[in-house]
PDB file of N, CA and C in Angstrom:
ATOM      1  N   MET A   1     125.387 -20.485  56.569  1.00  0.00           N
ATOM      2  CA  MET A   1     124.376 -20.891  57.533  1.00  0.00           C
ATOM      3  C   MET A   1     123.088 -21.297  56.811  1.00  0.00           C
ATOM      4  N   LYS A   2     122.752 -20.608  55.739  1.00  0.00           N
ATOM      5  CA  LYS A   2     121.527 -20.939  55.015  1.00  0.00           C
ATOM      6  C   LYS A   2     121.607 -22.306  54.353  1.00  0.00           C
ATOM      7  N   ALA A   3     122.812 -22.740  54.013  1.00  0.00           N
ATOM      8  CA  ALA A   3     122.989 -24.021  53.341  1.00  0.00           C
ATOM      9  C   ALA A   3     122.970 -25.192  54.318  1.00  0.00           C
ATOM     10  N   GLY A   4     122.791 -24.910  55.608  1.00  0.00           N
ATOM     11  CA  GLY A   4     122.659 -25.999  56.561  1.00  0.00           C
ATOM     12  C   GLY A   4     123.756 -26.091  57.597  1.00  0.00           C
ATOM     13  N   ALA A   5     124.632 -25.120  57.673  1.00  0.00           N
ATOM     14  CA  ALA A   5     125.680 -25.150  58.692  1.00  0.00           C
ATOM     15  C   ALA A   5     125.043 -25.004  60.066  1.00  0.00           C
ATOM     16  N   GLY A   6     125.506 -25.791  61.005  1.00  0.00           N
ATOM     17  CA  GLY A   6     124.959 -25.728  62.349  1.00  0.00           C
ATOM     18  C   GLY A   6     125.635 -24.681  63.200  1.00  0.00           C
ATOM     19  N   ASP A   7     126.871 -24.382  62.908  1.00  0.00           N
ATOM     20  CA  ASP A   7     127.651 -23.431  63.689  1.00  0.00           C
ATOM     21  C   ASP A   7     128.846 -23.012  62.849  1.00  0.00           C
ATOM     22  N   PHE A   8     129.625 -22.080  63.358  1.00  0.00           N
ATOM     23  CA  PHE A   8     130.836 -21.678  62.663  1.00  0.00           C
ATOM     24  C   PHE A   8     131.881 -21.303  63.693  1.00  0.00           C
ATOM     25  N   LEU A   9     133.119 -21.355  63.281  1.00  0.00           N
ATOM     26  CA  LEU A   9     134.248 -20.985  64.136  1.00  0.00           C
ATOM     27  C   LEU A   9     135.033 -19.874  63.462  1.00  0.00           C
ATOM     28  N   GLU A  10     135.431 -18.904  64.260  1.00  0.00           N
ATOM     29  CA  GLU A  10     136.300 -17.850  63.731  1.00  0.00           C
ATOM     30  C   GLU A  10     137.739 -18.278  63.922  1.00  0.00           C
ATOM     31  N   ILE A  11     138.543 -18.026  62.923  1.00  0.00           N
ATOM     32  CA  ILE A  11     139.962 -18.363  62.987  1.00  0.00           C
ATOM     33  C   ILE A  11     140.678 -17.218  63.671  1.00  0.00           C
ATOM     34  N   PRO A  12     141.533 -17.416  64.570  1.00  0.00           N
ATOM     35  CA  PRO A  12     141.975 -18.695  65.143  1.00  0.00           C
ATOM     36  C   PRO A  12     140.950 -19.192  66.160  1.00  0.00           C
ATOM     37  N   PHE A  13     140.872 -20.498  66.320  1.00  0.00           N
ATOM     38  CA  PHE A  13     139.933 -21.080  67.286  1.00  0.00           C
ATOM     39  C   PHE A  13     140.673 -22.067  68.171  1.00  0.00           C
ATOM     40  N   ARG A  14     140.093 -22.295  69.334  1.00  0.00           N
ATOM     41  CA  ARG A  14     140.678 -23.261  70.272  1.00  0.00           C
ATOM     42  C   ARG A  14     140.148 -24.652  69.940  1.00  0.00           C
ATOM     43  N   GLN A  15     140.962 -25.628  70.231  1.00  0.00           N
ATOM     44  CA  GLN A  15     140.580 -27.017  69.967  1.00  0.00           C
ATOM     45  C   GLN A  15     139.308 -27.375  70.743  1.00  0.00           C
ATOM     46  N   SER A  16     139.164 -26.860  71.937  1.00  0.00           N
ATOM     47  CA  SER A  16     137.976 -27.160  72.735  1.00  0.00           C
ATOM     48  C   SER A  16     136.705 -26.617  72.062  1.00  0.00           C
ATOM     49  N   ASP A  17     136.826 -25.471  71.374  1.00  0.00           N
ATOM     50  CA  ASP A  17     135.678 -24.926  70.641  1.00  0.00           C
ATOM     51  C   ASP A  17     135.293 -25.840  69.483  1.00  0.00           C
ATOM     52  N   LEU A  18     136.289 -26.355  68.788  1.00  0.00           N
ATOM     53  CA  LEU A  18     136.037 -27.275  67.677  1.00  0.00           C
ATOM     54  C   LEU A  18     135.354 -28.542  68.179  1.00  0.00           C
ATOM     55  N   VAL A  19     135.867 -29.098  69.274  1.00  0.00           N
ATOM     56  CA  VAL A  19     135.280 -30.311  69.848  1.00  0.00           C
ATOM     57  C   VAL A  19     133.836 -30.046  70.289  1.00  0.00           C
ATOM     58  N   ALA A  20     133.565 -28.889  70.888  1.00  0.00           N
ATOM     59  CA  ALA A  20     132.212 -28.547  71.317  1.00  0.00           C
ATOM     60  C   ALA A  20     131.276 -28.441  70.118  1.00  0.00           C
ATOM     61  N   CYS A  21     131.737 -27.853  69.027  1.00  0.00           N
ATOM     62  CA  CYS A  21     130.910 -27.753  67.813  1.00  0.00           C
ATOM     63  C   CYS A  21     130.611 -29.131  67.236  1.00  0.00           C
ATOM     64  N   ILE A  22     131.615 -29.997  67.234  1.00  0.00           N
ATOM     65  CA  ILE A  22     131.422 -31.350  66.707  1.00  0.00           C
ATOM     66  C   ILE A  22     130.443 -32.125  67.583  1.00  0.00           C
ATOM     67  N   ASP A  23     130.597 -32.007  68.905  1.00  0.00           N
ATOM     68  CA  ASP A  23     129.662 -32.672  69.821  1.00  0.00           C
ATOM     69  C   ASP A  23     128.237 -32.164  69.609  1.00  0.00           C
ATOM     70  N   GLY A  24     128.098 -30.858  69.419  1.00  0.00           N
ATOM     71  CA  GLY A  24     126.777 -30.282  69.163  1.00  0.00           C
ATOM     72  C   GLY A  24     126.163 -30.818  67.881  1.00  0.00           C
ATOM     73  N   ALA A  25     126.988 -30.962  66.857  1.00  0.00           N
ATOM     74  CA  ALA A  25     126.503 -31.490  65.580  1.00  0.00           C
ATOM     75  C   ALA A  25     126.041 -32.940  65.732  1.00  0.00           C
ATOM     76  N   PHE A  26     126.805 -33.733  66.486  1.00  0.00           N
ATOM     77  CA  PHE A  26     126.411 -35.125  66.719  1.00  0.00           C
ATOM     78  C   PHE A  26     125.105 -35.203  67.512  1.00  0.00           C
ATOM     79  N   THR A  27     124.952 -34.348  68.498  1.00  0.00           N
ATOM     80  CA  THR A  27     123.734 -34.327  69.305  1.00  0.00           C
ATOM     81  C   THR A  27     122.524 -33.962  68.451  1.00  0.00           C
ATOM     82  N   THR A  28     122.681 -32.947  67.616  1.00  0.00           N
ATOM     83  CA  THR A  28     121.599 -32.522  66.723  1.00  0.00           C
ATOM     84  C   THR A  28     121.238 -33.631  65.740  1.00  0.00           C
ATOM     85  N   ASP A  29     122.256 -34.279  65.191  1.00  0.00           N
ATOM     86  CA  ASP A  29     122.023 -35.360  64.241  1.00  0.00           C
ATOM     87  C   ASP A  29     121.315 -36.538  64.905  1.00  0.00           C
ATOM     88  N   LEU A  30     121.722 -36.883  66.121  1.00  0.00           N
ATOM     89  CA  LEU A  30     121.085 -37.986  66.841  1.00  0.00           C
ATOM     90  C   LEU A  30     119.612 -37.687  67.109  1.00  0.00           C
ATOM     91  N   ALA A  31     119.312 -36.459  67.505  1.00  0.00           N
ATOM     92  CA  ALA A  31     117.919 -36.077  67.752  1.00  0.00           C
ATOM     93  C   ALA A  31     117.094 -36.167  66.469  1.00  0.00           C
ATOM     94  N   ALA A  32     117.665 -35.719  65.362  1.00  0.00           N
ATOM     95  CA  ALA A  32     116.955 -35.784  64.078  1.00  0.00           C
ATOM     96  C   ALA A  32     116.720 -37.231  63.659  1.00  0.00           C
ATOM     97  N   ARG A  33     117.711 -38.078  63.861  1.00  0.00           N
ATOM     98  CA  ARG A  33     117.559 -39.499  63.509  1.00  0.00           C
ATOM     99  C   ARG A  33     116.494 -40.171  64.375  1.00  0.00           C
ATOM    100  N   ASN A  34     116.478 -39.851  65.672  1.00  0.00           N
ATOM    101  CA  ASN A  34     115.467 -40.426  66.568  1.00  0.00           C
ATOM    102  C   ASN A  34     114.061 -39.986  66.165  1.00  0.00           C
ATOM    103  N   THR A  35     113.912 -38.719  65.831  1.00  0.00           N
ATOM    104  CA  THR A  35     112.618 -38.216  65.385  1.00  0.00           C
ATOM    105  C   THR A  35     112.177 -38.911  64.110  1.00  0.00           C
ATOM    106  N   GLU A  36     113.097 -39.050  63.174  1.00  0.00           N
ATOM    107  CA  GLU A  36     112.789 -39.721  61.902  1.00  0.00           C
ATOM    108  C   GLU A  36     112.388 -41.174  62.133  1.00  0.00           C
ATOM    109  N   GLU A  37     113.071 -41.851  63.043  1.00  0.00           N
ATOM    110  CA  GLU A  37     112.748 -43.246  63.346  1.00  0.00           C
ATOM    111  C   GLU A  37     111.365 -43.353  63.990  1.00  0.00           C
ATOM    112  N   ASN A  38     111.034 -42.429  64.882  1.00  0.00           N
ATOM    113  CA  ASN A  38     109.707 -42.431  65.512  1.00  0.00           C
ATOM    114  C   ASN A  38     108.610 -42.220  64.475  1.00  0.00           C
ATOM    115  N   VAL A  39     108.850 -41.328  63.524  1.00  0.00           N
ATOM    116  CA  VAL A  39     107.867 -41.080  62.470  1.00  0.00           C
ATOM    117  C   VAL A  39     107.697 -42.324  61.606  1.00  0.00           C
ATOM    118  N   LYS A  40     108.805 -42.967  61.240  1.00  0.00           N
ATOM    119  CA  LYS A  40     108.724 -44.192  60.432  1.00  0.00           C
ATOM    120  C   LYS A  40     107.945 -45.280  61.161  1.00  0.00           C
ATOM    121  N   THR A  41     108.211 -45.431  62.445  1.00  0.00           N
ATOM    122  CA  THR A  41     107.516 -46.447  63.239  1.00  0.00           C
ATOM    123  C   THR A  41     106.021 -46.169  63.290  1.00  0.00           C
ATOM    124  N   ALA A  42     105.659 -44.920  63.537  1.00  0.00           N
ATOM    125  CA  ALA A  42     104.237 -44.553  63.602  1.00  0.00           C
ATOM    126  C   ALA A  42     103.559 -44.788  62.264  1.00  0.00           C
ATOM    127  N   ARG A  43     104.219 -44.422  61.185  1.00  0.00           N
ATOM    128  CA  ARG A  43     103.626 -44.617  59.854  1.00  0.00           C
ATOM    129  C   ARG A  43     103.481 -46.090  59.514  1.00  0.00           C
ATOM    130  N   SER A  44     104.470 -46.900  59.881  1.00  0.00           N
ATOM    131  CA  SER A  44     104.362 -48.331  59.584  1.00  0.00           C
ATOM    132  C   SER A  44     103.234 -48.968  60.382  1.00  0.00           C
ATOM    133  N   LYS A  45     103.025 -48.516  61.620  1.00  0.00           N
ATOM    134  CA  LYS A  45     101.893 -49.024  62.408  1.00  0.00           C
ATOM    135  C   LYS A  45     100.576 -48.620  61.766  1.00  0.00           C
ATOM    136  N   PHE A  46     100.481 -47.388  61.319  1.00  0.00           N
ATOM    137  CA  PHE A  46      99.254 -46.917  60.680  1.00  0.00           C
ATOM    138  C   PHE A  46      99.002 -47.660  59.379  1.00  0.00           C
ATOM    139  N   ASP A  47     100.063 -47.997  58.652  1.00  0.00           N
ATOM    140  CA  ASP A  47      99.921 -48.713  57.384  1.00  0.00           C
ATOM    141  C   ASP A  47      99.421 -50.147  57.569  1.00  0.00           C
ATOM    142  N   ARG A  48      99.534 -50.706  58.772  1.00  0.00           N
ATOM    143  CA  ARG A  48      99.033 -52.060  59.041  1.00  0.00           C
ATOM    144  C   ARG A  48      97.508 -52.128  59.105  1.00  0.00           C
ATOM    145  N   LEU A  49      96.883 -50.977  59.270  1.00  0.00           N
ATOM    146  CA  LEU A  49      95.430 -50.950  59.418  1.00  0.00           C
ATOM    147  C   LEU A  49      94.734 -51.180  58.082  1.00  0.00           C
ATOM    148  N   THR A  50      93.567 -51.789  58.150  1.00  0.00           N
ATOM    149  CA  THR A  50      92.750 -51.934  56.943  1.00  0.00           C
ATOM    150  C   THR A  50      92.165 -50.571  56.581  1.00  0.00           C
ATOM    151  N   ALA A  51      91.572 -50.479  55.416  1.00  0.00           N
ATOM    152  CA  ALA A  51      90.977 -49.205  54.980  1.00  0.00           C
ATOM    153  C   ALA A  51      89.886 -48.755  55.955  1.00  0.00           C
ATOM    154  N   ARG A  52      89.044 -49.680  56.404  1.00  0.00           N
ATOM    155  CA  ARG A  52      87.971 -49.321  57.334  1.00  0.00           C
ATOM    156  C   ARG A  52      88.545 -48.896  58.687  1.00  0.00           C
ATOM    157  N   GLU A  53      89.587 -49.603  59.137  1.00  0.00           N
ATOM    158  CA  GLU A  53      90.215 -49.238  60.410  1.00  0.00           C
ATOM    159  C   GLU A  53      90.852 -47.847  60.320  1.00  0.00           C
ATOM    160  N   ARG A  54      91.411 -47.522  59.163  1.00  0.00           N
ATOM    161  CA  ARG A  54      91.964 -46.173  58.970  1.00  0.00           C
ATOM    162  C   ARG A  54      90.865 -45.123  59.076  1.00  0.00           C
ATOM    163  N   GLU A  55      89.730 -45.426  58.476  1.00  0.00           N
ATOM    164  CA  GLU A  55      88.605 -44.482  58.568  1.00  0.00           C
ATOM    165  C   GLU A  55      88.199 -44.257  60.020  1.00  0.00           C
ATOM    166  N   VAL A  56      88.065 -45.347  60.761  1.00  0.00           N
ATOM    167  CA  VAL A  56      87.675 -45.242  62.167  1.00  0.00           C
ATOM    168  C   VAL A  56      88.768 -44.521  62.955  1.00  0.00           C
ATOM    169  N   ALA A  57      90.028 -44.832  62.666  1.00  0.00           N
ATOM    170  CA  ALA A  57      91.145 -44.172  63.359  1.00  0.00           C
ATOM    171  C   ALA A  57      91.123 -42.672  63.113  1.00  0.00           C
ATOM    172  N   LEU A  58      90.825 -42.269  61.899  1.00  0.00           N
ATOM    173  CA  LEU A  58      90.755 -40.836  61.595  1.00  0.00           C
ATOM    174  C   LEU A  58      89.632 -40.163  62.387  1.00  0.00           C
ATOM    175  N   PHE A  59      88.520 -40.869  62.570  1.00  0.00           N
ATOM    176  CA  PHE A  59      87.449 -40.330  63.414  1.00  0.00           C
ATOM    177  C   PHE A  59      87.910 -40.247  64.869  1.00  0.00           C
ATOM    178  N   MET A  60      88.680 -41.224  65.310  1.00  0.00           N
ATOM    179  CA  MET A  60      89.176 -41.232  66.685  1.00  0.00           C
ATOM    180  C   MET A  60      90.139 -40.075  66.928  1.00  0.00           C
ATOM    181  N   ILE A  61      90.901 -39.724  65.910  1.00  0.00           N
ATOM    182  CA  ILE A  61      91.910 -38.663  66.030  1.00  0.00           C
ATOM    183  C   ILE A  61      91.269 -37.283  65.993  1.00  0.00           C
ATOM    184  N   SER A  62      90.361 -37.098  65.055  1.00  0.00           N
ATOM    185  CA  SER A  62      89.787 -35.768  64.875  1.00  0.00           C
ATOM    186  C   SER A  62      88.417 -35.691  65.474  1.00  0.00           C
ATOM    187  N   PRO A  63      88.056 -34.712  66.047  1.00  0.00           N
ATOM    188  CA  PRO A  63      87.853 -34.309  67.443  1.00  0.00           C
ATOM    189  C   PRO A  63      87.444 -35.480  68.330  1.00  0.00           C
ATOM    190  N   PRO A  64      88.385 -36.011  69.090  1.00  0.00           N
ATOM    191  CA  PRO A  64      88.133 -37.231  69.863  1.00  0.00           C
ATOM    192  C   PRO A  64      87.083 -37.091  70.953  1.00  0.00           C
ATOM    193  N   SER A  65      86.929 -35.915  71.508  1.00  0.00           N
ATOM    194  CA  SER A  65      85.985 -35.762  72.615  1.00  0.00           C
ATOM    195  C   SER A  65      84.526 -35.772  72.161  1.00  0.00           C
ATOM    196  N   THR A  66      84.291 -35.558  70.867  1.00  0.00           N
ATOM    197  CA  THR A  66      82.913 -35.502  70.376  1.00  0.00           C
ATOM    198  C   THR A  66      82.561 -36.633  69.420  1.00  0.00           C
ATOM    199  N   THR A  67      83.449 -37.595  69.241  1.00  0.00           N
ATOM    200  CA  THR A  67      83.211 -38.661  68.275  1.00  0.00           C
ATOM    201  C   THR A  67      82.911 -39.956  69.000  1.00  0.00           C
ATOM    202  N   SER A  68      81.653 -40.220  69.203  1.00  0.00           N
ATOM    203  CA  SER A  68      81.239 -41.471  69.854  1.00  0.00           C
ATOM    204  C   SER A  68      81.127 -42.578  68.810  1.00  0.00           C
ATOM    205  N   SER A  69      81.055 -43.804  69.295  1.00  0.00           N
ATOM    206  CA  SER A  69      80.879 -44.946  68.386  1.00  0.00           C
ATOM    207  C   SER A  69      79.587 -44.813  67.594  1.00  0.00           C
ATOM    208  N   LYS A  70      78.580 -44.271  68.236  1.00  0.00           N
ATOM    209  CA  LYS A  70      77.291 -44.084  67.576  1.00  0.00           C
ATOM    210  C   LYS A  70      77.422 -43.107  66.406  1.00  0.00           C
ATOM    211  N   GLU A  71      78.102 -41.999  66.631  1.00  0.00           N
ATOM    212  CA  GLU A  71      78.283 -40.993  65.575  1.00  0.00           C
ATOM    213  C   GLU A  71      79.143 -41.524  64.435  1.00  0.00           C
ATOM    214  N   VAL A  72      80.224 -42.228  64.790  1.00  0.00           N
ATOM    215  CA  VAL A  72      81.096 -42.797  63.759  1.00  0.00           C
ATOM    216  C   VAL A  72      80.328 -43.830  62.942  1.00  0.00           C
ATOM    217  N   GLY A  73      79.569 -44.681  63.619  1.00  0.00           N
ATOM    218  CA  GLY A  73      78.756 -45.677  62.928  1.00  0.00           C
ATOM    219  C   GLY A  73      77.770 -45.046  61.966  1.00  0.00           C
ATOM    220  N   ARG A  74      77.158 -43.968  62.408  1.00  0.00           N
ATOM    221  CA  ARG A  74      76.214 -43.262  61.547  1.00  0.00           C
ATOM    222  C   ARG A  74      76.933 -42.695  60.316  1.00  0.00           C
ATOM    223  N   GLN A  75      78.114 -42.113  60.515  1.00  0.00           N
ATOM    224  CA  GLN A  75      78.882 -41.532  59.403  1.00  0.00           C
ATOM    225  C   GLN A  75      79.325 -42.600  58.397  1.00  0.00           C
ATOM    226  N   LEU A  76      79.709 -43.777  58.912  1.00  0.00           N
ATOM    227  CA  LEU A  76      80.233 -44.835  58.047  1.00  0.00           C
ATOM    228  C   LEU A  76      79.187 -45.876  57.664  1.00  0.00           C
ATOM    229  N   ASP A  77      77.964 -45.702  58.158  1.00  0.00           N
ATOM    230  CA  ASP A  77      76.861 -46.615  57.886  1.00  0.00           C
ATOM    231  C   ASP A  77      77.180 -48.036  58.369  1.00  0.00           C
ATOM    232  N   ILE A  78      77.680 -48.120  59.611  1.00  0.00           N
ATOM    233  CA  ILE A  78      77.932 -49.401  60.275  1.00  0.00           C
ATOM    234  C   ILE A  78      77.404 -49.290  61.705  1.00  0.00           C
ATOM    235  N   SER A  79      77.289 -50.425  62.388  1.00  0.00           N
ATOM    236  CA  SER A  79      76.747 -50.406  63.745  1.00  0.00           C
ATOM    237  C   SER A  79      77.796 -49.886  64.739  1.00  0.00           C
ATOM    238  N   PRO A  80      77.333 -49.309  65.850  1.00  0.00           N
ATOM    239  CA  PRO A  80      78.272 -48.851  66.885  1.00  0.00           C
ATOM    240  C   PRO A  80      79.121 -49.987  67.455  1.00  0.00           C
ATOM    241  N   ARG A  81      78.561 -51.185  67.533  1.00  0.00           N
ATOM    242  CA  ARG A  81      79.356 -52.335  68.019  1.00  0.00           C
ATOM    243  C   ARG A  81      80.493 -52.658  67.069  1.00  0.00           C
ATOM    244  N   THR A  82      80.258 -52.516  65.766  1.00  0.00           N
ATOM    245  CA  THR A  82      81.320 -52.727  64.781  1.00  0.00           C
ATOM    246  C   THR A  82      82.398 -51.669  64.943  1.00  0.00           C
ATOM    247  N   VAL A  83      81.988 -50.446  65.205  1.00  0.00           N
ATOM    248  CA  VAL A  83      82.956 -49.370  65.449  1.00  0.00           C
ATOM    249  C   VAL A  83      83.806 -49.705  66.673  1.00  0.00           C
ATOM    250  N   ASP A  84      83.160 -50.175  67.742  1.00  0.00           N
ATOM    251  CA  ASP A  84      83.898 -50.564  68.943  1.00  0.00           C
ATOM    252  C   ASP A  84      84.901 -51.676  68.644  1.00  0.00           C
ATOM    253  N   HIS A  85      84.487 -52.634  67.813  1.00  0.00           N
ATOM    254  CA  HIS A  85      85.397 -53.709  67.422  1.00  0.00           C
ATOM    255  C   HIS A  85      86.600 -53.143  66.656  1.00  0.00           C
ATOM    256  N   HIS A  86      86.340 -52.233  65.716  1.00  0.00           N
ATOM    257  CA  HIS A  86      87.432 -51.613  64.960  1.00  0.00           C
ATOM    258  C   HIS A  86      88.359 -50.823  65.884  1.00  0.00           C
ATOM    259  N   ARG A  87      87.796 -50.107  66.831  1.00  0.00           N
ATOM    260  CA  ARG A  87      88.612 -49.331  67.781  1.00  0.00           C
ATOM    261  C   ARG A  87      89.564 -50.259  68.538  1.00  0.00           C
ATOM    262  N   ALA A  88      89.045 -51.379  69.004  1.00  0.00           N
ATOM    263  CA  ALA A  88      89.876 -52.331  69.744  1.00  0.00           C
ATOM    264  C   ALA A  88      90.989 -52.892  68.865  1.00  0.00           C
ATOM    265  N   ARG A  89      90.657 -53.231  67.627  1.00  0.00           N
ATOM    266  CA  ARG A  89      91.672 -53.765  66.703  1.00  0.00           C
ATOM    267  C   ARG A  89      92.727 -52.716  66.367  1.00  0.00           C
ATOM    268  N   ILE A  90      92.326 -51.464  66.236  1.00  0.00           N
ATOM    269  CA  ILE A  90      93.262 -50.384  65.941  1.00  0.00           C
ATOM    270  C   ILE A  90      94.290 -50.265  67.066  1.00  0.00           C
ATOM    271  N   LEU A  91      93.804 -50.233  68.289  1.00  0.00           N
ATOM    272  CA  LEU A  91      94.713 -50.120  69.429  1.00  0.00           C
ATOM    273  C   LEU A  91      95.633 -51.330  69.514  1.00  0.00           C
ATOM    274  N   GLU A  92      95.076 -52.508  69.249  1.00  0.00           N
ATOM    275  CA  GLU A  92      95.873 -53.734  69.281  1.00  0.00           C
ATOM    276  C   GLU A  92      96.944 -53.737  68.189  1.00  0.00           C
ATOM    277  N   LYS A  93      96.558 -53.439  66.962  1.00  0.00           N
ATOM    278  CA  LYS A  93      97.504 -53.457  65.842  1.00  0.00           C
ATOM    279  C   LYS A  93      98.607 -52.413  65.983  1.00  0.00           C
ATOM    280  N   MET A  94      98.263 -51.296  66.600  1.00  0.00           N
ATOM    281  CA  MET A  94      99.247 -50.221  66.742  1.00  0.00           C
ATOM    282  C   MET A  94     100.037 -50.340  68.044  1.00  0.00           C
ATOM    283  N   SER A  95      99.754 -51.379  68.821  1.00  0.00           N
ATOM    284  CA  SER A  95     100.458 -51.645  70.083  1.00  0.00           C
ATOM    285  C   SER A  95     100.375 -50.468  71.046  1.00  0.00           C
ATOM    286  N   ILE A  96      99.173 -49.932  71.178  1.00  0.00           N
ATOM    287  CA  ILE A  96      98.924 -48.842  72.115  1.00  0.00           C
ATOM    288  C   ILE A  96      97.728 -49.207  72.975  1.00  0.00           C
ATOM    289  N   SER A  97      97.542 -48.480  74.064  1.00  0.00           N
ATOM    290  CA  SER A  97      96.475 -48.870  74.988  1.00  0.00           C
ATOM    291  C   SER A  97      95.361 -47.840  75.141  1.00  0.00           C
ATOM    292  N   SER A  98      95.488 -46.682  74.495  1.00  0.00           N
ATOM    293  CA  SER A  98      94.442 -45.676  74.656  1.00  0.00           C
ATOM    294  C   SER A  98      94.353 -44.765  73.437  1.00  0.00           C
ATOM    295  N   VAL A  99      93.242 -44.063  73.358  1.00  0.00           N
ATOM    296  CA  VAL A  99      93.034 -43.099  72.282  1.00  0.00           C
ATOM    297  C   VAL A  99      94.025 -41.945  72.419  1.00  0.00           C
ATOM    298  N   VAL A 100      94.388 -41.617  73.645  1.00  0.00           N
ATOM    299  CA  VAL A 100      95.369 -40.546  73.870  1.00  0.00           C
ATOM    300  C   VAL A 100      96.696 -40.905  73.208  1.00  0.00           C
ATOM    301  N   GLU A 101      97.121 -42.160  73.354  1.00  0.00           N
ATOM    302  CA  GLU A 101      98.355 -42.603  72.699  1.00  0.00           C
ATOM    303  C   GLU A 101      98.220 -42.546  71.185  1.00  0.00           C
ATOM    304  N   LEU A 102      97.050 -42.892  70.671  1.00  0.00           N
ATOM    305  CA  LEU A 102      96.806 -42.811  69.229  1.00  0.00           C
ATOM    306  C   LEU A 102      96.932 -41.368  68.753  1.00  0.00           C
ATOM    307  N   ILE A 103      96.375 -40.453  69.509  1.00  0.00           N
ATOM    308  CA  ILE A 103      96.450 -39.038  69.143  1.00  0.00           C
ATOM    309  C   ILE A 103      97.903 -38.551  69.175  1.00  0.00           C
ATOM    310  N   ASP A 104      98.645 -38.927  70.223  1.00  0.00           N
ATOM    311  CA  ASP A 104     100.056 -38.545  70.310  1.00  0.00           C
ATOM    312  C   ASP A 104     100.854 -39.130  69.144  1.00  0.00           C
ATOM    313  N   LEU A 105     100.616 -40.397  68.864  1.00  0.00           N
ATOM    314  CA  LEU A 105     101.324 -41.072  67.784  1.00  0.00           C
ATOM    315  C   LEU A 105     101.006 -40.433  66.442  1.00  0.00           C
ATOM    316  N   SER A 106      99.748 -40.134  66.225  1.00  0.00           N
ATOM    317  CA  SER A 106      99.351 -39.537  64.947  1.00  0.00           C
ATOM    318  C   SER A 106      99.856 -38.111  64.822  1.00  0.00           C
ATOM    319  N   GLY A 107      99.908 -37.391  65.937  1.00  0.00           N
ATOM    320  CA  GLY A 107     100.412 -36.021  65.896  1.00  0.00           C
ATOM    321  C   GLY A 107     101.886 -35.967  65.592  1.00  0.00           C
ATOM    322  N   SER A 108     102.650 -36.867  66.185  1.00  0.00           N
ATOM    323  CA  SER A 108     104.087 -36.850  65.961  1.00  0.00           C
ATOM    324  C   SER A 108     104.446 -37.235  64.529  1.00  0.00           C
ATOM    325  N   ALA A 109     103.625 -38.050  63.903  1.00  0.00           N
ATOM    326  CA  ALA A 109     103.903 -38.486  62.535  1.00  0.00           C
ATOM    327  C   ALA A 109     103.033 -37.787  61.512  1.00  0.00           C
ATOM    328  N   ASP A 110     102.195 -36.861  61.950  1.00  0.00           N
ATOM    329  CA  ASP A 110     101.288 -36.128  61.066  1.00  0.00           C
ATOM    330  C   ASP A 110     100.441 -37.100  60.238  1.00  0.00           C
ATOM    331  N   LEU A 111      99.938 -38.125  60.905  1.00  0.00           N
ATOM    332  CA  LEU A 111      99.188 -39.174  60.208  1.00  0.00           C
ATOM    333  C   LEU A 111      97.877 -38.683  59.626  1.00  0.00           C
ATOM    334  N   LEU A 112      97.233 -37.766  60.301  1.00  0.00           N
ATOM    335  CA  LEU A 112      95.945 -37.271  59.806  1.00  0.00           C
ATOM    336  C   LEU A 112      96.107 -36.623  58.439  1.00  0.00           C
ATOM    337  N   ASN A 113      97.030 -35.692  58.314  1.00  0.00           N
ATOM    338  CA  ASN A 113      97.247 -35.025  57.022  1.00  0.00           C
ATOM    339  C   ASN A 113      97.766 -35.994  55.975  1.00  0.00           C
ATOM    340  N   ARG A 114      98.630 -36.927  56.388  1.00  0.00           N
ATOM    341  CA  ARG A 114      99.179 -37.916  55.455  1.00  0.00           C
ATOM    342  C   ARG A 114      98.074 -38.818  54.921  1.00  0.00           C
ATOM    343  N   ALA A 115      97.191 -39.257  55.818  1.00  0.00           N
ATOM    344  CA  ALA A 115      96.089 -40.150  55.400  1.00  0.00           C
ATOM    345  C   ALA A 115      95.132 -39.433  54.471  1.00  0.00           C
ATOM    346  N   ILE A 116      94.836 -38.195  54.769  1.00  0.00           N
ATOM    347  CA  ILE A 116      93.916 -37.425  53.914  1.00  0.00           C
ATOM    348  C   ILE A 116      94.557 -37.193  52.545  1.00  0.00           C
ATOM    349  N   ALA A 117      95.859 -36.903  52.519  1.00  0.00           N
ATOM    350  CA  ALA A 117      96.547 -36.608  51.260  1.00  0.00           C
ATOM    351  C   ALA A 117      96.724 -37.850  50.388  1.00  0.00           C
ATOM    352  N   THR A 118      96.977 -39.009  51.020  1.00  0.00           N
ATOM    353  CA  THR A 118      97.268 -40.198  50.218  1.00  0.00           C
ATOM    354  C   THR A 118      96.063 -41.067  49.952  1.00  0.00           C
ATOM    355  N   ASN A 119      95.024 -40.943  50.757  1.00  0.00           N
ATOM    356  CA  ASN A 119      93.847 -41.796  50.612  1.00  0.00           C
ATOM    357  C   ASN A 119      92.621 -40.934  50.386  1.00  0.00           C
ATOM    358  N   SER A 120      92.337 -40.673  49.176  1.00  0.00           N
ATOM    359  CA  SER A 120      91.170 -39.816  48.904  1.00  0.00           C
ATOM    360  C   SER A 120      89.855 -40.476  49.280  1.00  0.00           C
ATOM    361  N   ASP A 121      89.848 -41.813  49.436  1.00  0.00           N
ATOM    362  CA  ASP A 121      88.641 -42.511  49.835  1.00  0.00           C
ATOM    363  C   ASP A 121      88.437 -42.508  51.339  1.00  0.00           C
ATOM    364  N   VAL A 122      89.426 -42.055  52.105  1.00  0.00           N
ATOM    365  CA  VAL A 122      89.318 -42.024  53.568  1.00  0.00           C
ATOM    366  C   VAL A 122      88.771 -40.709  53.999  1.00  0.00           C
TER     367      VAL A 122
END
C-alpha cells in the first residue's frame, strides 16, 4: 500500500471484486489526469502574462479585498489607471471574467507560491 497500491484483494476473490477494483483504479486515474490537466492549463495561462502583469496579478491574488488599484500603483510606482489597464489585460489573457476566477485558478494551480519561487523579481 505504501508503494502506491490503491486496493488489494484477498485470495480467493470474486471476479466482480476484481472488476470493481479495476474500475476504481480507472476512476482515480481519470481524476488525477483531469487535475493535472487543469493545473497545466492554469500555469500556461499565467505564463502568457508579462512580468509586470504577473506582479499585478500577484497583488490581485493576495489579499484581494484590500488591494486597490491605488495601493498597487503605489507599491509598483505606476499610476492607478495603468494598474486598471493591467488588470483588464490579465483577465483577457487568462480568458476569465473576474478576480474571483483568477483567485480560483491560482489556488488550484498554486500559482502564487510557484510565481514567488520561480521569479525572485516578482
